[in-house]
Amino acid sequence: MSHFIKFSDQKEKILFPGITARITHSDQVTITRVSLEKGAVLPEHQHINEQWSTLIEGELEMEVDGERQVVREGMTVFIPSDAPHSAIARTHCVVIDMFVPKRNDL
């Protein structure tokens, strides 16, 4: 694996309608660059991985473990292991997600 990752070189994967990701892994961490179309819905789900999500572009309404907030550019959201979470893209959004441990299902 190179020390320098260019997300545009990674294969794009459709996660849900209107939501795509470019994904890279190390032995312990998964990093994704996620693009959400305006109005796209990330259904409630949960996973064993801790997740850190930084909004690079747009406005995203997120709910984490029952707490709802509008996330704006430059904000980071921490999602604990097994916490239910969901999102709705209020605008076109770009998010960088980090998962620990790495997500073998992506």
Protein backbone atom coordinates (compact mmCIF):
# COMPACT_ATOMS: atom_id res chain seq x y z
CA MET A 1 0.00 0.00 0.00
CA SER A 2 1.26 3.46 -0.86
CA HIS A 3 1.75 6.04 1.87
CA PHE A 4 -0.09 8.55 -0.33
CA ILE A 5 -3.74 7.88 -1.15
CA LYS A 6 -5.66 9.60 -3.94
CA PHE A 7 -9.36 8.91 -3.44
CA SER A 8 -10.11 9.53 -7.12
CA ASP A 9 -7.93 6.48 -7.92
CA GLN A 10 -10.13 4.26 -5.70
CA LYS A 11 -13.09 2.42 -7.22
CA GLU A 12 -16.41 4.09 -6.46
CA LYS A 13 -18.91 1.93 -4.56
CA ILE A 14 -22.65 2.61 -4.29
CA LEU A 15 -23.65 2.36 -0.62
CA PHE A 16 -27.31 3.48 -0.91
CA PRO A 17 -29.29 5.38 -3.55
CA GLY A 18 -27.57 8.77 -3.95
CA ILE A 19 -24.65 7.77 -1.70
CA THR A 20 -21.30 6.63 -3.09
CA ALA A 21 -17.92 6.02 -1.45
CA ARG A 22 -14.29 5.61 -2.34
CA ILE A 23 -12.65 3.37 0.24
CA THR A 24 -9.14 2.59 1.40
CA HIS A 25 -7.90 0.34 4.21
CA SER A 26 -4.82 -0.21 6.32
CA ASP A 27 -4.42 -3.20 8.60
CA GLN A 28 -6.35 -1.41 11.36
CA VAL A 29 -8.31 1.53 9.89
CA THR A 30 -10.76 2.19 7.05
CA ILE A 31 -11.01 5.67 5.53
CA THR A 32 -13.76 6.62 3.07
CA ARG A 33 -14.62 9.66 1.00
CA VAL A 34 -18.42 9.65 0.78
CA SER A 35 -20.50 11.73 -1.62
CA LEU A 36 -24.20 12.26 -0.89
CA GLU A 37 -26.66 13.80 -3.33
CA LYS A 38 -29.06 16.38 -1.93
CA GLY A 39 -31.96 14.51 -0.30
CA ALA A 40 -30.07 11.20 0.00
CA VAL A 41 -30.97 9.17 3.08
CA LEU A 42 -28.54 7.05 5.06
CA PRO A 43 -30.88 4.64 6.86
CA GLU A 44 -30.40 3.96 10.55
CA HIS A 45 -27.78 1.30 11.13
CA GLN A 46 -25.01 0.40 13.54
CA HIS A 47 -21.70 -1.44 13.49
CA ILE A 48 -19.01 -2.52 15.92
CA ASN A 49 -16.56 0.03 14.51
CA GLU A 50 -16.05 3.45 16.06
CA GLN A 51 -16.60 6.08 13.37
CA TRP A 52 -15.32 9.63 12.97
CA SER A 53 -17.07 11.64 10.23
CA THR A 54 -15.81 15.04 9.05
CA LEU A 55 -18.03 17.09 6.77
CA ILE A 56 -15.90 18.60 4.01
CA GLU A 57 -18.73 20.10 1.98
CA GLY A 58 -22.47 20.67 2.46
CA GLU A 59 -25.01 20.35 5.24
CA LEU A 60 -26.01 17.00 6.72
CA GLU A 61 -28.71 16.27 9.29
CA MET A 62 -27.44 13.42 11.47
CA GLU A 63 -28.83 11.43 14.33
CA VAL A 64 -26.49 9.49 16.61
CA ASP A 65 -27.89 7.39 19.45
CA GLY A 66 -31.07 9.51 19.58
CA GLU A 67 -29.31 12.90 19.39
CA ARG A 68 -30.07 14.88 16.21
CA GLN A 69 -28.02 17.81 14.87
CA VAL A 70 -27.33 19.62 11.62
CA VAL A 71 -23.66 19.10 10.73
CA ARG A 72 -21.94 21.79 8.68
CA GLU A 73 -18.61 22.04 6.86
CA GLY A 74 -15.64 21.60 9.17
CA MET A 75 -17.57 19.75 11.88
CA THR A 76 -16.65 16.24 13.00
CA VAL A 77 -19.06 13.68 14.46
CA PHE A 78 -17.96 10.80 16.72
CA ILE A 79 -20.09 7.66 16.51
CA PRO A 80 -19.31 5.13 19.26
CA SER A 81 -19.22 1.41 18.65
CA ASP A 82 -22.73 -0.06 18.17
CA ALA A 83 -24.46 3.38 18.33
CA PRO A 84 -27.45 3.57 15.98
CA HIS A 85 -27.05 6.43 13.49
CA SER A 86 -28.62 7.86 10.34
CA ALA A 87 -28.39 10.94 8.12
CA ILE A 88 -30.22 13.03 5.52
CA ALA A 89 -28.28 15.23 3.09
CA ARG A 90 -29.80 18.73 3.16
CA THR A 91 -27.44 19.69 0.32
CA HIS A 92 -24.85 17.86 -1.77
CA CYS A 93 -22.30 16.63 0.81
CA VAL A 94 -18.78 15.26 0.92
CA VAL A 95 -17.73 13.42 4.08
CA ILE A 96 -14.49 11.79 5.16
CA ASP A 97 -15.19 8.81 7.44
CA MET A 98 -12.66 6.92 9.54
CA PHE A 99 -13.52 3.54 11.06
CA VAL A 100 -11.61 1.71 13.81
CA PRO A 101 -11.12 -1.21 13.61
CA LYS A 102 -11.17 -1.43 9.83
CA ARG A 103 -14.46 -2.33 8.16
CA ASN A 104 -14.06 -5.66 6.46
CA ASP A 105 -17.61 -5.35 5.08
CA LEU A 106 -16.79 -2.33 2.88
